[in-house]
Amino acid sequence: MIRRGILLVILALVCVPRMQALQDKKLGIGVVIGAPSGFSIKYWQGSVAYQGTLGAGFGGGLAIGADYLMHTDAFANPRAPFYYGPGLFLGDVGFGGPKWSGNDLFLGARFLFGVDYIFPDHPFDIAFEMGPALLIAPSVGLGIELGIAFRFYP
């Protein structure tokens, strides 16, 4: 399972064409509403971005996540790139399958798909994303993560 994930990341890095920088400013800070809801940070490097989240699930608990996102010019507007990429999350909330107590710590992987709209004359973006998420430990569970992120680029 881990070998497949590493192979997928390496394959994506080799196959995804590089685009010019999508943002004049590289670091965005904001909020995400969804699963989880909380703080969002995104750091751009050309057509690739690193995204981090710190938030809570709907039933409470804390979760932290990190994603590696690849952006493509799939639409006619380069200010609205489509993105996809793998991520990991860690926390004390769960979804689907068995119910977790606040004392359990889970580890999971996800693969996000989304669209990021970059406002042309303002230092803001808005992103809509979703993707399957797989709990890996302490037991296996499957779910879908959805979110809307609003970020400011200082």
C-alpha atoms as a PDB file:
ATOM      1  CA  MET A   1       0.000   0.000   0.000  1.00  0.00           C
ATOM      2  CA  ILE A   2       2.772   2.441   0.935  1.00  0.00           C
ATOM      3  CA  ARG A   3       4.769   1.452  -2.167  1.00  0.00           C
ATOM      4  CA  ARG A   4       1.770   2.246  -4.372  1.00  0.00           C
ATOM      5  CA  GLY A   5       1.380   5.661  -2.740  1.00  0.00           C
ATOM      6  CA  ILE A   6       5.049   6.503  -3.227  1.00  0.00           C
ATOM      7  CA  LEU A   7       4.912   5.275  -6.828  1.00  0.00           C
ATOM      8  CA  LEU A   8       1.812   7.405  -7.471  1.00  0.00           C
ATOM      9  CA  VAL A   9       3.521  10.534  -6.127  1.00  0.00           C
ATOM     10  CA  ILE A  10       6.681   9.914  -8.187  1.00  0.00           C
ATOM     11  CA  LEU A  11       4.644   9.207 -11.321  1.00  0.00           C
ATOM     12  CA  ALA A  12       2.616  12.385 -10.834  1.00  0.00           C
ATOM     13  CA  LEU A  13       5.780  14.448 -10.383  1.00  0.00           C
ATOM     14  CA  VAL A  14       7.239  13.122 -13.619  1.00  0.00           C
ATOM     15  CA  CYS A  15       4.069  13.298 -15.730  1.00  0.00           C
ATOM     16  CA  VAL A  16       2.509  16.598 -14.694  1.00  0.00           C
ATOM     17  CA  PRO A  17       3.593  19.491 -16.937  1.00  0.00           C
ATOM     18  CA  ARG A  18       4.860  22.589 -15.167  1.00  0.00           C
ATOM     19  CA  MET A  19       2.852  25.789 -15.547  1.00  0.00           C
ATOM     20  CA  GLN A  20       4.009  29.318 -14.904  1.00  0.00           C
ATOM     21  CA  ALA A  21       3.440  30.633 -11.403  1.00  0.00           C
ATOM     22  CA  LEU A  22      -0.263  31.013 -10.688  1.00  0.00           C
ATOM     23  CA  GLN A  23       0.231  33.492  -7.879  1.00  0.00           C
ATOM     24  CA  ASP A  24       2.436  36.549  -7.528  1.00  0.00           C
ATOM     25  CA  LYS A  25       2.435  35.852  -3.802  1.00  0.00           C
ATOM     26  CA  LYS A  26       3.208  32.303  -2.781  1.00  0.00           C
ATOM     27  CA  LEU A  27       1.784  31.905   0.728  1.00  0.00           C
ATOM     28  CA  GLY A  28      -1.958  31.935   1.414  1.00  0.00           C
ATOM     29  CA  ILE A  29      -3.506  31.818   4.889  1.00  0.00           C
ATOM     30  CA  GLY A  30      -7.199  31.336   5.575  1.00  0.00           C
ATOM     31  CA  VAL A  31     -10.021  29.060   6.624  1.00  0.00           C
ATOM     32  CA  VAL A  32     -11.577  25.896   5.291  1.00  0.00           C
ATOM     33  CA  ILE A  33     -15.211  24.935   5.850  1.00  0.00           C
ATOM     34  CA  GLY A  34     -16.063  21.271   5.491  1.00  0.00           C
ATOM     35  CA  ALA A  35     -14.363  18.129   6.691  1.00  0.00           C
ATOM     36  CA  PRO A  36     -12.369  19.230   8.609  1.00  0.00           C
ATOM     37  CA  SER A  37     -13.296  22.863   9.310  1.00  0.00           C
ATOM     38  CA  GLY A  38     -10.528  25.126  10.549  1.00  0.00           C
ATOM     39  CA  PHE A  39      -7.393  26.870   9.348  1.00  0.00           C
ATOM     40  CA  SER A  40      -5.827  26.457   5.919  1.00  0.00           C
ATOM     41  CA  ILE A  41      -2.413  27.391   4.564  1.00  0.00           C
ATOM     42  CA  LYS A  42      -1.200  26.963   0.987  1.00  0.00           C
ATOM     43  CA  TYR A  43       2.306  27.480  -0.378  1.00  0.00           C
ATOM     44  CA  TRP A  44       2.766  27.676  -4.163  1.00  0.00           C
ATOM     45  CA  GLN A  45       5.831  26.603  -6.136  1.00  0.00           C
ATOM     46  CA  GLY A  46       4.899  27.051  -9.789  1.00  0.00           C
ATOM     47  CA  SER A  47       2.150  24.586 -10.677  1.00  0.00           C
ATOM     48  CA  VAL A  48       2.655  22.643  -7.429  1.00  0.00           C
ATOM     49  CA  ALA A  49       1.342  23.664  -4.026  1.00  0.00           C
ATOM     50  CA  TYR A  50       1.682  22.352  -0.493  1.00  0.00           C
ATOM     51  CA  GLN A  51      -1.455  22.656   1.599  1.00  0.00           C
ATOM     52  CA  GLY A  52      -1.870  22.256   5.323  1.00  0.00           C
ATOM     53  CA  THR A  53      -5.022  22.176   7.439  1.00  0.00           C
ATOM     54  CA  LEU A  54      -5.690  22.267  11.149  1.00  0.00           C
ATOM     55  CA  GLY A  55      -9.297  21.841  12.141  1.00  0.00           C
ATOM     56  CA  ALA A  56     -12.077  19.919  13.793  1.00  0.00           C
ATOM     57  CA  GLY A  57     -14.555  17.341  12.588  1.00  0.00           C
ATOM     58  CA  PHE A  58     -18.307  17.825  12.845  1.00  0.00           C
ATOM     59  CA  GLY A  59     -18.418  15.629  15.933  1.00  0.00           C
ATOM     60  CA  GLY A  60     -15.513  17.408  17.618  1.00  0.00           C
ATOM     61  CA  GLY A  61     -11.898  16.397  17.893  1.00  0.00           C
ATOM     62  CA  LEU A  62      -8.810  17.828  16.232  1.00  0.00           C
ATOM     63  CA  ALA A  63      -7.218  16.872  12.903  1.00  0.00           C
ATOM     64  CA  ILE A  64      -4.122  18.041  11.034  1.00  0.00           C
ATOM     65  CA  GLY A  65      -3.490  17.362   7.360  1.00  0.00           C
ATOM     66  CA  ALA A  66      -0.897  17.942   4.646  1.00  0.00           C
ATOM     67  CA  ASP A  67      -1.456  17.696   0.884  1.00  0.00           C
ATOM     68  CA  TYR A  68       0.750  17.815  -2.203  1.00  0.00           C
ATOM     69  CA  LEU A  69      -1.332  19.409  -4.972  1.00  0.00           C
ATOM     70  CA  MET A  70      -0.599  19.550  -8.698  1.00  0.00           C
ATOM     71  CA  HIS A  71      -2.407  22.224 -10.732  1.00  0.00           C
ATOM     72  CA  THR A  72      -3.277  22.048 -14.424  1.00  0.00           C
ATOM     73  CA  ASP A  73      -4.774  24.549 -16.820  1.00  0.00           C
ATOM     74  CA  ALA A  74      -7.785  22.311 -17.505  1.00  0.00           C
ATOM     75  CA  PHE A  75     -10.159  25.233 -18.066  1.00  0.00           C
ATOM     76  CA  ALA A  76      -9.884  28.193 -20.438  1.00  0.00           C
ATOM     77  CA  ASN A  77      -9.212  30.542 -17.505  1.00  0.00           C
ATOM     78  CA  PRO A  78      -5.708  30.193 -15.975  1.00  0.00           C
ATOM     79  CA  ARG A  79      -7.049  31.963 -12.863  1.00  0.00           C
ATOM     80  CA  ALA A  80      -9.183  28.866 -12.144  1.00  0.00           C
ATOM     81  CA  PRO A  81      -6.793  25.892 -12.213  1.00  0.00           C
ATOM     82  CA  PHE A  82      -7.949  22.337 -11.590  1.00  0.00           C
ATOM     83  CA  TYR A  83      -5.852  20.505  -9.010  1.00  0.00           C
ATOM     84  CA  TYR A  84      -5.380  17.036  -7.607  1.00  0.00           C
ATOM     85  CA  GLY A  85      -3.000  15.294  -5.292  1.00  0.00           C
ATOM     86  CA  PRO A  86      -2.332  12.992  -2.356  1.00  0.00           C
ATOM     87  CA  GLY A  87      -2.356  13.890   1.298  1.00  0.00           C
ATOM     88  CA  LEU A  88      -2.107  12.522   4.824  1.00  0.00           C
ATOM     89  CA  PHE A  89      -4.047  13.400   7.964  1.00  0.00           C
ATOM     90  CA  LEU A  90      -3.716  12.663  11.654  1.00  0.00           C
ATOM     91  CA  GLY A  91      -6.188  13.342  14.431  1.00  0.00           C
ATOM     92  CA  ASP A  92      -8.626  12.171  17.063  1.00  0.00           C
ATOM     93  CA  VAL A  93     -11.840  12.238  15.018  1.00  0.00           C
ATOM     94  CA  GLY A  94     -13.129   9.607  12.620  1.00  0.00           C
ATOM     95  CA  PHE A  95     -15.736   8.991   9.965  1.00  0.00           C
ATOM     96  CA  GLY A  96     -17.602   5.935   8.755  1.00  0.00           C
ATOM     97  CA  GLY A  97     -17.206   2.466  10.195  1.00  0.00           C
ATOM     98  CA  PRO A  98     -16.464   2.187  13.902  1.00  0.00           C
ATOM     99  CA  LYS A  99     -16.930   5.219  16.133  1.00  0.00           C
ATOM    100  CA  TRP A 100     -13.840   6.658  17.742  1.00  0.00           C
ATOM    101  CA  SER A 101     -13.633   8.128  21.196  1.00  0.00           C
ATOM    102  CA  GLY A 102     -11.676  11.307  21.827  1.00  0.00           C
ATOM    103  CA  ASN A 103      -8.811   9.135  23.094  1.00  0.00           C
ATOM    104  CA  ASP A 104      -8.119   7.380  19.795  1.00  0.00           C
ATOM    105  CA  LEU A 105      -5.613   8.786  17.325  1.00  0.00           C
ATOM    106  CA  PHE A 106      -6.131   7.938  13.668  1.00  0.00           C
ATOM    107  CA  LEU A 107      -3.922   8.124  10.593  1.00  0.00           C
ATOM    108  CA  GLY A 108      -5.327   8.414   7.102  1.00  0.00           C
ATOM    109  CA  ALA A 109      -4.612   9.157   3.465  1.00  0.00           C
ATOM    110  CA  ARG A 110      -6.681  11.088   0.960  1.00  0.00           C
ATOM    111  CA  PHE A 111      -6.606  12.137  -2.675  1.00  0.00           C
ATOM    112  CA  LEU A 112      -8.108  15.551  -3.377  1.00  0.00           C
ATOM    113  CA  PHE A 113      -9.608  16.992  -6.550  1.00  0.00           C
ATOM    114  CA  GLY A 114     -10.511  20.660  -6.707  1.00  0.00           C
ATOM    115  CA  VAL A 115     -10.781  23.997  -8.455  1.00  0.00           C
ATOM    116  CA  ASP A 116      -9.026  27.087  -7.136  1.00  0.00           C
ATOM    117  CA  TYR A 117     -10.261  30.516  -8.246  1.00  0.00           C
ATOM    118  CA  ILE A 118      -7.585  33.194  -7.972  1.00  0.00           C
ATOM    119  CA  PHE A 119      -9.026  36.711  -7.935  1.00  0.00           C
ATOM    120  CA  PRO A 120      -7.199  38.777 -10.593  1.00  0.00           C
ATOM    121  CA  ASP A 121      -6.739  42.106  -8.791  1.00  0.00           C
ATOM    122  CA  HIS A 122      -7.085  41.028  -5.166  1.00  0.00           C
ATOM    123  CA  PRO A 123      -4.861  38.906  -2.892  1.00  0.00           C
ATOM    124  CA  PHE A 124      -7.554  36.247  -2.311  1.00  0.00           C
ATOM    125  CA  ASP A 125      -8.501  32.840  -3.613  1.00  0.00           C
ATOM    126  CA  ILE A 126     -11.375  30.446  -3.071  1.00  0.00           C
ATOM    127  CA  ALA A 127     -11.077  26.692  -3.551  1.00  0.00           C
ATOM    128  CA  PHE A 128     -13.669  23.930  -3.812  1.00  0.00           C
ATOM    129  CA  GLU A 129     -12.285  20.457  -3.169  1.00  0.00           C
ATOM    130  CA  MET A 130     -13.368  16.897  -2.542  1.00  0.00           C
ATOM    131  CA  GLY A 131     -11.879  13.471  -2.518  1.00  0.00           C
ATOM    132  CA  PRO A 132     -11.873   9.999  -1.063  1.00  0.00           C
ATOM    133  CA  ALA A 133     -10.236   9.503   2.324  1.00  0.00           C
ATOM    134  CA  LEU A 134      -9.046   6.235   3.796  1.00  0.00           C
ATOM    135  CA  LEU A 135      -8.451   5.721   7.500  1.00  0.00           C
ATOM    136  CA  ILE A 136      -5.434   3.472   7.879  1.00  0.00           C
ATOM    137  CA  ALA A 137      -5.032   3.109  11.651  1.00  0.00           C
ATOM    138  CA  PRO A 138      -6.209   2.155  14.264  1.00  0.00           C
ATOM    139  CA  SER A 139      -8.668   0.440  11.919  1.00  0.00           C
ATOM    140  CA  VAL A 140      -9.747   0.888   8.326  1.00  0.00           C
ATOM    141  CA  GLY A 141     -12.561   3.214   7.253  1.00  0.00           C
ATOM    142  CA  LEU A 142     -13.539   4.987   4.049  1.00  0.00           C
ATOM    143  CA  GLY A 143     -15.095   8.417   3.641  1.00  0.00           C
ATOM    144  CA  ILE A 144     -15.308  11.498   1.463  1.00  0.00           C
ATOM    145  CA  GLU A 145     -13.840  14.849   2.411  1.00  0.00           C
ATOM    146  CA  LEU A 146     -15.396  18.031   1.052  1.00  0.00           C
ATOM    147  CA  GLY A 147     -14.293  21.585   1.646  1.00  0.00           C
ATOM    148  CA  ILE A 148     -14.417  25.224   0.629  1.00  0.00           C
ATOM    149  CA  ALA A 149     -11.301  27.232   1.443  1.00  0.00           C
ATOM    150  CA  PHE A 150     -10.920  31.014   1.545  1.00  0.00           C
ATOM    151  CA  ARG A 151      -7.337  32.276   1.664  1.00  0.00           C
ATOM    152  CA  PHE A 152      -5.594  35.655   1.812  1.00  0.00           C
ATOM    153  CA  TYR A 153      -2.143  36.204   0.270  1.00  0.00           C
ATOM    154  CA  PRO A 154      -0.383  38.900   2.347  1.00  0.00           C
END
